[in-house]
N, C-alpha and C. Protein backbone atom coordinates (compact mmCIF):
# COMPACT_ATOMS: atom_id res chain seq x y z
N UNK A 1 -24.11 -35.95 10.88
CA UNK A 1 -24.08 -34.80 9.59
C UNK A 1 -25.01 -35.18 8.54
N UNK A 2 -24.72 -34.55 7.60
CA UNK A 2 -25.36 -34.40 6.37
C UNK A 2 -24.88 -35.76 5.83
N UNK A 3 -25.81 -36.48 5.18
CA UNK A 3 -26.01 -37.75 4.47
C UNK A 3 -24.63 -37.81 3.72
N UNK A 4 -24.57 -37.08 2.36
CA UNK A 4 -23.28 -36.64 1.49
C UNK A 4 -22.33 -36.70 2.10
N UNK A 5 -22.13 -35.51 2.75
CA UNK A 5 -20.81 -35.46 3.76
C UNK A 5 -20.19 -36.83 4.40
N UNK A 6 -21.31 -37.48 5.00
CA UNK A 6 -20.81 -38.58 5.75
C UNK A 6 -20.32 -39.80 4.68
N UNK A 7 -21.19 -39.50 3.32
CA UNK A 7 -21.02 -40.87 2.68
C UNK A 7 -19.37 -40.57 2.16
N UNK A 8 -19.02 -38.96 1.70
CA UNK A 8 -17.81 -38.72 1.35
C UNK A 8 -16.93 -39.13 2.56
N UNK A 9 -17.05 -38.76 3.51
CA UNK A 9 -15.82 -39.46 4.61
C UNK A 9 -15.60 -40.95 4.47
N UNK A 10 -16.61 -41.69 4.30
CA UNK A 10 -16.73 -43.22 4.50
C UNK A 10 -15.91 -43.28 3.20
N UNK A 11 -16.07 -42.92 2.05
CA UNK A 11 -15.48 -43.29 1.05
C UNK A 11 -14.12 -42.95 0.94
N UNK A 12 -13.24 -42.02 1.16
CA UNK A 12 -12.12 -41.57 1.48
C UNK A 12 -11.40 -42.23 2.51
N UNK A 13 -12.12 -42.71 3.61
CA UNK A 13 -11.36 -43.80 4.71
C UNK A 13 -11.45 -45.07 3.82
N UNK A 14 -12.38 -45.50 3.36
CA UNK A 14 -12.48 -46.64 2.90
C UNK A 14 -11.22 -46.96 1.92
N UNK A 15 -10.53 -46.28 1.20
CA UNK A 15 -9.31 -46.52 0.31
C UNK A 15 -8.26 -46.94 0.85
N UNK A 16 -8.33 -46.51 2.47
CA UNK A 16 -6.91 -47.21 3.02
C UNK A 16 -7.29 -48.37 3.58
N UNK A 17 -6.37 -49.41 3.18
CA UNK A 17 -6.12 -51.06 3.35
C UNK A 17 -6.35 -51.07 4.92
N UNK A 18 -7.30 -52.01 5.11
CA UNK A 18 -7.33 -52.11 6.51
C UNK A 18 -8.99 -53.28 6.83
N UNK A 19 -8.17 -54.59 6.22
CA UNK A 19 -9.14 -55.44 6.38
C UNK A 19 -9.99 -55.95 6.88
N UNK A 20 -9.98 -55.50 8.57
CA UNK A 20 -10.76 -55.86 9.20
C UNK A 20 -11.59 -54.48 10.00
N UNK A 21 -11.46 -53.42 9.45
CA UNK A 21 -12.18 -52.32 9.69
C UNK A 21 -13.80 -52.18 9.00
N UNK A 22 -14.75 -51.83 9.46
CA UNK A 22 -15.73 -51.18 9.16
C UNK A 22 -16.10 -50.16 8.75
N UNK A 23 -16.87 -49.89 8.37
CA UNK A 23 -17.09 -47.97 7.94
C UNK A 23 -18.69 -48.19 8.03
N UNK A 24 -19.26 -47.63 8.65
CA UNK A 24 -20.37 -47.32 8.52
C UNK A 24 -20.87 -45.50 8.46
N UNK A 25 -21.66 -44.99 7.52
CA UNK A 25 -22.31 -43.83 7.53
C UNK A 25 -23.22 -43.71 8.00
N UNK A 26 -23.49 -43.19 9.07
CA UNK A 26 -25.19 -43.23 9.64
C UNK A 26 -25.83 -41.92 9.75
N UNK A 27 -26.90 -41.50 8.96
CA UNK A 27 -27.65 -40.24 8.94
C UNK A 27 -27.81 -39.97 10.55
N UNK A 28 -28.19 -38.92 10.72
CA UNK A 28 -27.98 -38.29 12.14
C UNK A 28 -29.32 -38.58 12.67
N UNK A 29 -30.55 -38.84 11.80
CA UNK A 29 -31.57 -39.07 12.38
C UNK A 29 -31.76 -40.67 12.51
N UNK A 30 -30.78 -41.29 12.36
CA UNK A 30 -31.21 -42.76 12.37
C UNK A 30 -31.44 -43.52 13.92
N UNK A 31 -32.07 -44.43 14.31
CA UNK A 31 -32.06 -45.12 15.05
C UNK A 31 -30.99 -45.98 15.22
N UNK A 32 -29.89 -45.93 16.24
CA UNK A 32 -29.34 -47.02 16.72
C UNK A 32 -29.40 -48.11 17.33
N UNK A 33 -28.69 -48.79 17.23
CA UNK A 33 -28.71 -50.29 18.35
C UNK A 33 -28.00 -49.67 19.35
N UNK A 34 -28.53 -50.36 20.12
CA UNK A 34 -28.34 -50.64 22.05
C UNK A 34 -26.64 -50.28 22.08
N UNK A 35 -25.55 -51.10 21.18
CA UNK A 35 -24.33 -50.26 21.60
C UNK A 35 -23.69 -49.36 20.84
N UNK A 36 -24.33 -48.89 20.12
CA UNK A 36 -23.91 -47.57 19.82
C UNK A 36 -24.76 -46.12 20.11
N UNK A 37 -26.29 -46.47 20.65
CA UNK A 37 -26.68 -45.58 20.79
C UNK A 37 -26.45 -44.44 21.64
N UNK A 38 -25.50 -44.26 22.63
CA UNK A 38 -25.07 -43.48 23.13
C UNK A 38 -24.34 -42.41 22.47
N UNK A 39 -23.96 -42.61 21.50
CA UNK A 39 -22.99 -41.50 20.33
C UNK A 39 -24.25 -40.62 19.93
N UNK A 40 -24.66 -39.55 20.29
CA UNK A 40 -25.24 -38.74 20.02
C UNK A 40 -24.75 -37.96 18.62
N UNK A 41 -26.24 -37.73 18.02
CA UNK A 41 -25.56 -36.79 16.28
C UNK A 41 -25.37 -35.72 16.77
N UNK A 42 -24.50 -35.19 15.91
CA UNK A 42 -23.65 -33.69 16.36
C UNK A 42 -23.78 -32.87 15.20
N UNK A 43 -23.77 -31.68 15.14
CA UNK A 43 -24.59 -30.55 14.38
C UNK A 43 -23.65 -30.92 12.96
N UNK A 44 -22.54 -31.24 13.34
CA UNK A 44 -21.68 -31.68 11.83
C UNK A 44 -21.29 -32.83 11.84
N UNK A 45 -20.87 -33.39 10.44
CA UNK A 45 -20.57 -34.65 10.25
C UNK A 45 -19.13 -34.76 11.47
N UNK A 46 -19.46 -36.16 12.04
CA UNK A 46 -18.63 -36.85 13.11
C UNK A 46 -18.07 -38.00 12.43
N UNK A 47 -16.83 -38.42 13.44
CA UNK A 47 -16.86 -39.78 13.39
C UNK A 47 -16.31 -40.25 14.83
N UNK A 48 -16.76 -41.29 15.38
CA UNK A 48 -15.90 -42.45 16.56
C UNK A 48 -15.35 -43.82 15.81
N UNK A 49 -14.03 -43.86 16.48
CA UNK A 49 -13.04 -44.95 16.04
C UNK A 49 -13.57 -45.61 17.41
N UNK A 50 -13.78 -46.98 17.15
CA UNK A 50 -13.68 -47.62 18.09
C UNK A 50 -13.07 -49.12 18.32
N UNK A 51 -12.69 -49.54 19.13
CA UNK A 51 -11.96 -50.47 19.13
C UNK A 51 -12.68 -51.33 20.25
N UNK A 52 -13.27 -52.83 20.10
CA UNK A 52 -13.93 -53.36 21.49
C UNK A 52 -14.79 -52.52 21.64
N UNK A 53 -15.28 -52.33 23.00
CA UNK A 53 -16.37 -51.76 23.38
C UNK A 53 -16.08 -50.52 23.86
N UNK A 54 -14.88 -49.63 23.58
CA UNK A 54 -14.50 -48.52 23.86
C UNK A 54 -14.31 -47.58 22.30
N UNK A 55 -14.98 -46.44 22.45
CA UNK A 55 -14.61 -45.70 21.33
C UNK A 55 -13.96 -44.28 21.65
N UNK A 56 -13.68 -43.56 20.51
CA UNK A 56 -12.78 -42.38 20.59
C UNK A 56 -14.13 -41.32 21.01
N UNK A 57 -13.45 -39.82 21.37
CA UNK A 57 -14.52 -38.87 21.76
C UNK A 57 -14.65 -38.68 20.25
N UNK A 58 -15.90 -37.56 19.55
CA UNK A 58 -16.12 -37.58 18.39
C UNK A 58 -14.96 -36.59 17.89
N UNK A 59 -14.57 -37.67 16.57
CA UNK A 59 -13.65 -36.59 15.50
C UNK A 59 -14.36 -36.00 14.58
N UNK A 60 -14.04 -34.63 14.50
CA UNK A 60 -14.94 -33.40 13.78
C UNK A 60 -14.40 -32.99 12.58
N UNK A 61 -13.46 -33.63 12.06
CA UNK A 61 -12.65 -33.46 10.65
C UNK A 61 -12.15 -34.60 9.81
N UNK A 62 -12.25 -35.00 8.54
CA UNK A 62 -11.60 -36.05 8.00
C UNK A 62 -10.32 -36.53 8.44
N UNK A 63 -9.42 -35.06 8.16
CA UNK A 63 -8.14 -35.35 8.70
C UNK A 63 -7.94 -35.97 10.02
N UNK A 64 -8.34 -35.21 11.29
CA UNK A 64 -8.64 -35.63 11.75
C UNK A 64 -8.80 -37.34 12.14
N UNK A 65 -9.65 -37.78 11.59
CA UNK A 65 -10.13 -39.00 11.45
C UNK A 65 -9.12 -40.14 11.01
N UNK A 66 -8.46 -39.61 9.42
CA UNK A 66 -7.51 -40.13 8.70
C UNK A 66 -6.25 -40.30 9.39
N UNK A 67 -5.79 -39.18 10.62
CA UNK A 67 -4.93 -39.50 11.52
C UNK A 67 -4.69 -40.39 12.49
N UNK A 68 -6.35 -40.15 13.13
CA UNK A 68 -6.48 -41.43 14.35
C UNK A 68 -6.24 -43.09 13.63
N UNK A 69 -6.64 -42.91 12.49
CA UNK A 69 -6.60 -44.16 11.91
C UNK A 69 -5.49 -44.85 11.72
N UNK A 70 -4.35 -43.54 11.29
CA UNK A 70 -3.20 -44.26 10.85
C UNK A 70 -2.00 -44.62 11.88
N UNK A 71 -2.86 -44.24 13.16
CA UNK A 71 -2.09 -44.88 14.47
C UNK A 71 -2.59 -46.21 14.80
N UNK A 72 -3.40 -46.55 13.99
CA UNK A 72 -4.11 -48.14 14.77
C UNK A 72 -3.54 -48.97 13.94
């Protein structure tokens, strides 16, 4: 998605306490490392919640992302 929106998502999720959680706001045109290179850029901002080597389907709203993270 757009850089500003992705950074806003990261800020909003970053306030939730989770000492082992890493948050990356990655622009849609970034070259990704091998481990996440299969996550294709979407037309709008999206997020993936990954645990170990398994990742969720793209989450397309901040509310959906917050809900997914509250379950972990």
